[in-house]
């Protein structure tokens, strides 16, 4: 009798183990209909205190979730492809990933990061790729701007995105083309009024203090992501601390004589040895940007993602997860970075080697991290002021937008001692 009972219990346990299931959200090209919304499902699960495994280099960086009816329904509502796999199959996948012979790793995501977007709260004459993809993926975020930053509210957030911005106080170097445009005139008035309200005589001085607060946020352990002109203008502002680089049409008085020689590259996050563009009539900040130097036809404008060890270099590996290693290029005020101006301790994760340009870079500052991504909109090759925004429903599998969302999930990863 006891023998029969033990036999029954053995088969019961074996059966339950075999049929217990997980949800695999595939992220390869063939298996996923909605790559961008898949990140939203992962974030949604983390919000509900469910742990997720990010399977680096396994089928395009797939996600492994506990199987629940609510997650299945949410995937169906959002159009996200998923596969139900047994406990046995799950263990086989995890064993394959853990094998020393495989360049794969399973990273545990523990907590939904609190997200802030640094952006003016009014309507802008351009769109921001990050806010668009966060909205499309249904990932919640708060908008913060100068007052919140200067009042130390960044400590409330795990991840900060810098919207299309000019931290140098030169109003985006739009002077030549748009100085008579109503939106430019209005934005300049609003920026000057805000600076005055906050106790500054110049917008450039106020923006510098904002940049310094953001620097301190990163040094203290924050995660910062920036695109387009927010990347190089941020570093330029830090390098020019205490130096007037603005011409009279921007701040009411002449720039400081010989200011190029007073720039301190030790203060920057990513860039060094760059030459500032002095003329207010030139739509460019410095020699960092490759926009005016590059001669690449749109049809052949691509950049390649680097390949990292998932087990030894999980951070850059997370940030380059994709279903392709070749990503379409796209323009912006700051399109890409001259490799000669990128600091040697900064990782170049995406590049166009033939043109000597970096497109996607990452680094460490203090206890925190930063990622800079050149270009304005991954699915609008040459987005101009006033152009209609991109409809992401037409680009649900965009590799360029996936890079943004990799950064959004990055702070959720379980922290462990880095291998050296």
Protein backbone atom coordinates (compact mmCIF):
# COMPACT_ATOMS: atom_id res chain seq x y z
CA UNK A 1 0.00 0.00 0.00
CA UNK A 2 2.79 2.41 0.99
CA UNK A 3 4.67 1.58 -2.20
CA UNK A 4 1.60 2.48 -4.29
CA UNK A 5 1.18 5.73 -2.35
CA UNK A 6 4.80 6.77 -2.93
CA UNK A 7 4.50 5.86 -6.60
CA UNK A 8 1.35 7.98 -6.88
CA UNK A 9 2.97 10.95 -5.15
CA UNK A 10 6.06 10.67 -7.36
CA UNK A 11 4.01 10.79 -10.54
CA UNK A 12 1.88 13.63 -9.12
CA UNK A 13 4.95 15.76 -8.37
CA UNK A 14 6.50 14.86 -11.71
CA UNK A 15 3.31 15.77 -13.54
CA UNK A 16 2.90 19.13 -11.74
CA UNK A 17 6.57 19.95 -12.36
CA UNK A 18 6.28 19.06 -16.03
CA UNK A 19 3.18 21.14 -16.61
CA UNK A 20 3.90 24.15 -14.39
CA UNK A 21 4.50 26.94 -16.84
CA UNK A 22 6.23 30.23 -17.53
CA UNK A 23 5.65 32.93 -20.10
CA UNK A 24 8.42 33.56 -22.57
CA UNK A 25 8.18 36.88 -24.38
CA UNK A 26 10.41 36.31 -27.41
CA UNK A 27 12.34 39.29 -28.74
CA UNK A 28 13.81 37.86 -31.93
CA UNK A 29 12.70 39.11 -35.34
CA UNK A 30 10.50 36.11 -36.10
CA UNK A 31 8.87 35.58 -32.73
CA UNK A 32 7.66 39.04 -31.72
CA UNK A 33 4.97 41.21 -33.33
CA UNK A 34 5.30 44.13 -30.90
CA UNK A 35 8.86 44.54 -29.67
CA UNK A 36 8.27 47.98 -28.15
CA UNK A 37 5.13 47.05 -26.25
CA UNK A 38 6.90 43.95 -24.93
CA UNK A 39 9.03 46.24 -22.78
CA UNK A 40 5.82 47.72 -21.44
CA UNK A 41 4.57 44.28 -20.43
CA UNK A 42 7.84 43.67 -18.59
CA UNK A 43 7.57 47.02 -16.80
CA UNK A 44 3.91 46.33 -15.97
CA UNK A 45 4.89 43.01 -14.40
CA UNK A 46 7.63 44.64 -12.31
CA UNK A 47 5.10 47.19 -11.05
CA UNK A 48 3.16 44.24 -9.64
CA UNK A 49 6.20 42.95 -7.75
CA UNK A 50 6.80 40.08 -10.13
CA UNK A 51 10.42 39.25 -10.87
CA UNK A 52 11.38 38.93 -14.50
CA UNK A 53 14.43 37.32 -16.06
CA UNK A 54 16.00 39.19 -18.98
CA UNK A 55 17.59 36.50 -21.14
CA UNK A 56 20.54 38.34 -22.65
CA UNK A 57 21.45 37.18 -26.17
CA UNK A 58 18.73 34.52 -26.09
CA UNK A 59 16.37 35.08 -29.01
CA UNK A 60 17.06 38.80 -29.21
CA UNK A 61 17.01 39.44 -25.46
CA UNK A 62 13.78 37.70 -24.49
CA UNK A 63 11.93 38.06 -21.18
CA UNK A 64 10.91 35.19 -18.91
CA UNK A 65 7.91 35.84 -16.64
CA UNK A 66 5.77 33.73 -14.32
CA UNK A 67 2.70 32.46 -16.11
CA UNK A 68 -0.46 34.14 -14.86
CA UNK A 69 -3.81 34.67 -16.48
CA UNK A 70 -3.54 38.43 -15.96
CA UNK A 71 -0.20 38.65 -17.81
CA UNK A 72 -1.57 36.53 -20.66
CA UNK A 73 -4.57 38.83 -20.98
CA UNK A 74 -2.41 41.95 -20.85
CA UNK A 75 -0.19 40.57 -23.63
CA UNK A 76 -3.26 39.81 -25.72
CA UNK A 77 -4.69 43.29 -25.16
CA UNK A 78 -1.43 44.94 -26.18
CA UNK A 79 -0.73 42.58 -29.06
CA UNK A 80 2.49 41.23 -27.56
CA UNK A 81 3.56 37.75 -28.68
CA UNK A 82 4.20 35.20 -25.94
CA UNK A 83 4.86 31.51 -25.56
CA UNK A 84 3.73 29.29 -22.68
CA UNK A 85 6.54 26.93 -21.73
CA UNK A 86 6.65 24.17 -19.13
CA UNK A 87 8.85 24.19 -16.07
CA UNK A 88 10.96 21.48 -17.68
CA UNK A 89 11.45 23.50 -20.85
CA UNK A 90 12.24 26.60 -18.76
CA UNK A 91 14.97 24.74 -16.90
CA UNK A 92 16.43 23.52 -20.20
CA UNK A 93 16.57 27.11 -21.48
CA UNK A 94 18.18 28.41 -18.28
CA UNK A 95 20.73 25.57 -18.31
CA UNK A 96 21.60 26.38 -21.91
CA UNK A 97 22.01 30.06 -21.02
CA UNK A 98 24.19 29.29 -17.99
CA UNK A 99 26.57 27.10 -19.97
CA UNK A 100 30.09 28.60 -20.13
CA UNK A 101 30.11 27.86 -23.85
CA UNK A 102 27.16 30.19 -24.50
CA UNK A 103 27.43 33.98 -24.66
CA UNK A 104 24.17 34.36 -22.75
CA UNK A 105 23.04 35.34 -19.27
CA UNK A 106 19.81 35.49 -17.29
CA UNK A 107 19.60 38.84 -15.47
CA UNK A 108 16.95 39.25 -12.78
CA UNK A 109 14.82 42.39 -13.02
CA UNK A 110 13.47 43.23 -9.59
CA UNK A 111 11.77 46.61 -9.42
CA UNK A 112 10.09 49.00 -11.86
CA UNK A 113 12.35 52.08 -12.04
CA UNK A 114 10.84 55.49 -11.31
CA UNK A 115 11.20 57.51 -14.50
CA UNK A 116 11.57 61.24 -15.04
CA UNK A 117 11.80 63.14 -18.31
CA UNK A 118 13.51 66.52 -18.17
CA UNK A 119 11.44 68.65 -20.53
CA UNK A 120 9.59 71.98 -20.68
CA UNK A 121 5.97 71.42 -19.76
CA UNK A 122 4.50 73.43 -22.66
CA UNK A 123 4.10 72.42 -26.28
CA UNK A 124 7.37 72.16 -28.19
CA UNK A 125 7.92 72.64 -31.95
CA UNK A 126 9.54 69.20 -32.05
CA UNK A 127 8.82 65.78 -30.60
CA UNK A 128 10.91 63.64 -28.29
CA UNK A 129 11.58 60.02 -29.18
CA UNK A 130 11.78 58.89 -25.56
CA UNK A 131 8.45 60.31 -24.45
CA UNK A 132 6.83 58.92 -27.59
CA UNK A 133 8.12 55.40 -27.02
CA UNK A 134 7.35 55.47 -23.29
CA UNK A 135 3.78 56.42 -24.11
CA UNK A 136 3.53 53.80 -26.85
CA UNK A 137 4.90 51.08 -24.55
CA UNK A 138 2.57 52.32 -21.77
CA UNK A 139 5.43 52.95 -19.35
CA UNK A 140 4.58 55.76 -16.89
CA UNK A 141 6.86 58.76 -16.36
CA UNK A 142 6.89 62.18 -14.72
CA UNK A 143 7.96 65.41 -16.41
CA UNK A 144 10.44 67.55 -14.49
CA UNK A 145 12.16 70.76 -15.45
CA UNK A 146 14.47 73.37 -14.00
CA UNK A 147 12.52 74.14 -10.83
CA UNK A 148 12.22 70.50 -9.85
CA UNK A 149 15.88 69.81 -10.64
CA UNK A 150 17.15 72.82 -8.68
CA UNK A 151 14.89 71.83 -5.78
CA UNK A 152 16.61 68.41 -5.61
CA UNK A 153 13.60 66.39 -6.72
CA UNK A 154 15.72 64.10 -8.90
CA UNK A 155 16.40 61.95 -5.85
CA UNK A 156 12.84 60.67 -6.26
CA UNK A 157 13.74 58.94 -9.54
CA UNK A 158 15.90 56.04 -10.68
CA UNK A 159 16.15 57.04 -14.34
CA UNK A 160 16.32 60.45 -15.99
CA UNK A 161 15.99 61.33 -19.65
CA UNK A 162 17.18 64.66 -21.01
CA UNK A 163 14.78 65.90 -23.67
CA UNK A 164 16.01 67.81 -26.73
CA UNK A 165 17.71 70.61 -24.79
CA UNK A 166 20.50 73.21 -24.86
CA UNK A 167 22.32 73.48 -21.54
CA UNK A 168 24.67 76.20 -22.81
CA UNK A 169 22.08 79.00 -22.85
CA UNK A 170 22.32 79.50 -26.63
CA UNK A 171 18.72 78.47 -27.34
CA UNK A 172 19.69 75.50 -29.47
CA UNK A 173 21.80 77.62 -31.84
CA UNK A 174 18.55 78.21 -33.77
CA UNK A 175 19.31 81.93 -34.10
CA UNK A 176 20.08 82.11 -37.81
CA UNK A 177 17.08 80.15 -39.07
CA UNK A 178 14.40 80.87 -36.48
CA UNK A 179 15.16 84.14 -34.66
CA UNK A 180 12.04 85.73 -36.18
CA UNK A 181 9.83 82.67 -35.63
CA UNK A 182 7.08 83.20 -33.02
CA UNK A 183 7.91 79.95 -31.21
CA UNK A 184 11.60 80.94 -30.88
CA UNK A 185 10.76 84.40 -29.56
CA UNK A 186 8.26 82.94 -27.10
CA UNK A 187 10.65 80.24 -25.87
CA UNK A 188 13.40 82.80 -25.30
CA UNK A 189 11.02 84.99 -23.28
CA UNK A 190 9.86 82.03 -21.21
CA UNK A 191 13.43 80.87 -20.55
CA UNK A 192 14.48 84.35 -19.44
CA UNK A 193 11.40 84.69 -17.23
CA UNK A 194 12.07 81.32 -15.58
CA UNK A 195 15.72 82.18 -14.99
CA UNK A 196 14.68 85.49 -13.41
CA UNK A 197 12.10 83.77 -11.23
CA UNK A 198 14.78 81.39 -9.98
CA UNK A 199 17.15 84.25 -9.16
CA UNK A 200 19.46 84.25 -12.18
CA UNK A 201 20.41 87.16 -14.42
CA UNK A 202 21.23 84.89 -17.36
CA UNK A 203 19.67 81.74 -18.80
CA UNK A 204 23.17 80.31 -19.34
CA UNK A 205 23.92 80.60 -15.61
CA UNK A 206 20.65 78.93 -14.67
CA UNK A 207 21.16 76.09 -17.18
CA UNK A 208 24.68 75.52 -15.84
CA UNK A 209 23.33 75.02 -12.33
CA UNK A 210 20.73 72.61 -13.71
CA UNK A 211 23.51 70.67 -15.47
CA UNK A 212 25.52 70.56 -12.24
CA UNK A 213 22.51 69.18 -10.34
CA UNK A 214 22.07 66.50 -12.99
CA UNK A 215 25.78 65.70 -12.75
CA UNK A 216 25.42 65.26 -8.99
CA UNK A 217 22.38 63.03 -9.52
CA UNK A 218 24.44 60.70 -11.71
CA UNK A 219 27.48 60.77 -9.43
CA UNK A 220 25.21 59.82 -6.54
CA UNK A 221 23.98 56.70 -8.33
CA UNK A 222 21.39 57.85 -10.87
CA UNK A 223 20.89 56.56 -14.42
CA UNK A 224 20.87 59.27 -17.10
CA UNK A 225 19.92 58.86 -20.75
CA UNK A 226 20.13 61.66 -23.31
CA UNK A 227 19.66 62.08 -27.05
CA UNK A 228 20.51 64.59 -29.76
CA UNK A 229 21.64 68.06 -28.59
CA UNK A 230 21.07 67.28 -24.91
CA UNK A 231 24.20 65.10 -25.05
CA UNK A 232 26.92 67.44 -26.28
CA UNK A 233 25.36 70.65 -24.89
CA UNK A 234 25.33 69.03 -21.43
CA UNK A 235 29.04 68.24 -21.58
CA UNK A 236 29.85 71.66 -23.06
CA UNK A 237 28.02 73.38 -20.20
CA UNK A 238 30.02 71.38 -17.65
CA UNK A 239 33.30 72.11 -19.43
CA UNK A 240 32.52 75.83 -19.64
CA UNK A 241 31.63 76.28 -15.97
CA UNK A 242 32.58 79.83 -15.00
CA UNK A 243 33.34 80.82 -18.62
CA UNK A 244 31.03 83.03 -20.74
CA UNK A 245 30.74 81.36 -24.16
CA UNK A 246 27.48 83.10 -25.19
CA UNK A 247 27.29 85.94 -27.73
CA UNK A 248 25.18 89.11 -27.10
CA UNK A 249 22.02 87.89 -28.87
CA UNK A 250 21.84 85.06 -26.31
CA UNK A 251 22.74 86.70 -22.99
CA UNK A 252 23.05 90.44 -23.63
CA UNK A 253 26.84 90.79 -23.43
CA UNK A 254 29.88 89.59 -25.42
CA UNK A 255 31.47 86.21 -24.88
CA UNK A 256 34.66 85.95 -22.89
CA UNK A 257 37.87 86.57 -24.82
CA UNK A 258 39.86 83.41 -25.53
CA UNK A 259 37.22 81.16 -24.01
CA UNK A 260 38.29 78.06 -25.93
CA UNK A 261 41.50 77.91 -23.92
CA UNK A 262 39.57 78.10 -20.65
CA UNK A 263 37.45 75.01 -21.29
CA UNK A 264 38.02 72.24 -18.71
CA UNK A 265 37.59 68.81 -20.26
CA UNK A 266 38.05 67.16 -16.87
CA UNK A 267 34.51 68.24 -16.02
CA UNK A 268 32.79 66.42 -18.89
CA UNK A 269 31.15 63.00 -18.89
CA UNK A 270 31.92 61.74 -22.38
CA UNK A 271 33.78 64.20 -24.59
CA UNK A 272 37.21 65.80 -24.73
CA UNK A 273 39.43 68.01 -26.89
CA UNK A 274 36.51 69.51 -28.81
CA UNK A 275 36.48 72.93 -30.43
CA UNK A 276 33.48 75.15 -29.73
CA UNK A 277 31.62 76.76 -32.64
CA UNK A 278 31.86 80.50 -31.99
CA UNK A 279 29.49 81.81 -34.67
CA UNK A 280 25.84 82.25 -33.64
CA UNK A 281 24.97 81.92 -37.32
CA UNK A 282 26.15 78.30 -37.46
CA UNK A 283 23.69 75.61 -36.35
CA UNK A 284 26.28 73.66 -34.41
CA UNK A 285 27.73 73.61 -30.89
CA UNK A 286 31.19 72.14 -31.43
CA UNK A 287 33.41 69.68 -33.25
CA UNK A 288 31.85 66.80 -31.28
CA UNK A 289 28.95 66.44 -33.71
CA UNK A 290 29.42 64.77 -37.10
CA UNK A 291 26.30 66.19 -38.82
CA UNK A 292 28.18 68.66 -41.03
CA UNK A 293 31.12 66.31 -41.62
CA UNK A 294 29.34 63.14 -42.68
CA UNK A 295 28.74 62.24 -46.33
CA UNK A 296 26.59 59.13 -46.12
CA UNK A 297 23.61 58.50 -48.44
CA UNK A 298 20.40 57.77 -46.57
CA UNK A 299 20.12 54.36 -48.22
CA UNK A 300 23.44 53.19 -46.75
CA UNK A 301 23.29 55.05 -43.44
CA UNK A 302 23.48 52.31 -40.79
CA UNK A 303 25.44 51.74 -37.62
CA UNK A 304 26.48 48.47 -36.02
CA UNK A 305 26.03 47.41 -32.42
CA UNK A 306 28.98 46.00 -30.51
CA UNK A 307 28.99 42.44 -29.22
CA UNK A 308 29.68 42.03 -25.48
CA UNK A 309 30.10 39.09 -23.15
CA UNK A 310 26.77 38.56 -21.42
CA UNK A 311 28.44 36.89 -18.44
CA UNK A 312 31.37 39.27 -18.00
CA UNK A 313 29.97 42.55 -19.33
CA UNK A 314 26.24 42.37 -18.57
CA UNK A 315 25.66 46.14 -18.49
CA UNK A 316 26.66 47.00 -22.08
CA UNK A 317 25.18 43.68 -23.15
CA UNK A 318 21.80 44.72 -21.72
CA UNK A 319 22.00 48.07 -23.49
CA UNK A 320 22.59 46.56 -26.95
CA UNK A 321 19.94 43.81 -26.83
CA UNK A 322 18.19 43.72 -30.18
CA UNK A 323 16.91 41.49 -32.94
CA UNK A 324 19.53 42.88 -35.33
CA UNK A 325 23.11 44.08 -35.00
CA UNK A 326 22.64 46.65 -37.77
CA UNK A 327 20.47 49.71 -37.03
CA UNK A 328 19.26 52.39 -39.44
CA UNK A 329 20.96 55.75 -38.98
CA UNK A 330 18.98 58.93 -38.39
CA UNK A 331 19.82 62.62 -38.23
CA UNK A 332 19.48 65.25 -35.53
CA UNK A 333 20.99 68.53 -34.47
CA UNK A 334 23.57 66.25 -32.91
CA UNK A 335 23.58 63.21 -35.18
CA UNK A 336 26.67 61.34 -34.02
CA UNK A 337 29.98 61.86 -32.29
CA UNK A 338 33.44 62.23 -33.78
CA UNK A 339 35.38 59.27 -32.36
CA UNK A 340 38.37 61.55 -31.75
CA UNK A 341 36.34 63.53 -29.18
CA UNK A 342 35.04 60.52 -27.19
CA UNK A 343 36.98 59.88 -23.99
CA UNK A 344 38.95 56.64 -23.85
CA UNK A 345 37.05 55.39 -20.77
CA UNK A 346 33.67 55.69 -22.54
CA UNK A 347 32.24 52.62 -24.27
CA UNK A 348 31.22 53.03 -27.90
CA UNK A 349 28.31 50.58 -28.18
CA UNK A 350 27.17 51.60 -31.68
CA UNK A 351 29.32 52.99 -34.46
CA UNK A 352 29.78 53.62 -38.14
CA UNK A 353 33.41 52.61 -38.57
CA UNK A 354 33.81 53.76 -42.14
CA UNK A 355 32.82 57.29 -41.17
CA UNK A 356 34.69 57.34 -37.85
CA UNK A 357 31.59 58.16 -35.87
CA UNK A 358 30.10 56.89 -32.62
CA UNK A 359 26.30 56.73 -32.42
CA UNK A 360 25.56 55.15 -29.06
CA UNK A 361 27.91 55.50 -26.07
CA UNK A 362 27.89 54.62 -22.37
CA UNK A 363 29.94 55.44 -19.32
CA UNK A 364 30.22 55.47 -15.55
CA UNK A 365 30.34 58.62 -13.44
CA UNK A 366 30.75 58.18 -9.71
CA UNK A 367 28.17 55.63 -8.58
CA UNK A 368 25.91 56.22 -11.58
CA UNK A 369 25.71 55.65 -15.32
CA UNK A 370 25.01 57.67 -18.45
CA UNK A 371 24.12 56.74 -22.02
CA UNK A 372 24.24 59.18 -24.95
CA UNK A 373 22.42 58.38 -28.21
CA UNK A 374 23.02 60.53 -31.29
CA UNK A 375 20.14 61.62 -33.52
CA UNK A 376 16.59 62.80 -32.95
CA UNK A 377 14.09 60.12 -34.02
CA UNK A 378 15.08 56.53 -34.93
CA UNK A 379 12.22 56.23 -37.44
CA UNK A 380 12.34 59.71 -39.00
CA UNK A 381 15.59 60.07 -40.90
CA UNK A 382 15.74 63.86 -40.96
CA UNK A 383 13.13 65.23 -38.57
CA UNK A 384 12.73 68.99 -38.91
CA UNK A 385 11.19 71.61 -36.64
CA UNK A 386 7.42 71.47 -37.07
CA UNK A 387 7.31 68.03 -38.72
CA UNK A 388 4.52 65.67 -37.69
CA UNK A 389 5.42 63.20 -34.97
CA UNK A 390 6.25 59.61 -35.76
CA UNK A 391 3.40 57.12 -35.42
CA UNK A 392 5.03 54.24 -33.57
CA UNK A 393 2.14 51.93 -34.41
CA UNK A 394 3.76 51.85 -37.86
CA UNK A 395 7.12 50.85 -36.36
CA UNK A 396 6.35 48.34 -33.56
CA UNK A 397 9.61 46.45 -34.15
CA UNK A 398 11.97 49.42 -34.45
CA UNK A 399 15.56 48.40 -33.54
CA UNK A 400 16.47 52.07 -32.97
CA UNK A 401 13.68 52.55 -30.46
CA UNK A 402 14.54 49.27 -28.73
CA UNK A 403 17.87 50.79 -27.68
CA UNK A 404 15.98 53.50 -25.78
CA UNK A 405 13.85 50.95 -23.95
CA UNK A 406 16.88 48.84 -23.04
CA UNK A 407 18.04 51.85 -21.05
CA UNK A 408 14.64 52.21 -19.37
CA UNK A 409 14.81 48.67 -17.98
CA UNK A 410 18.51 48.82 -17.12
CA UNK A 411 18.00 50.24 -13.56
CA UNK A 412 15.62 47.37 -12.78
CA UNK A 413 18.42 44.81 -12.96
CA UNK A 414 19.47 43.13 -9.73
CA UNK A 415 22.71 44.69 -8.62
CA UNK A 416 25.67 42.39 -8.24
CA UNK A 417 29.38 42.85 -7.96
CA UNK A 418 30.92 43.54 -11.33
CA UNK A 419 33.37 40.98 -12.59
CA UNK A 420 36.84 42.31 -13.40
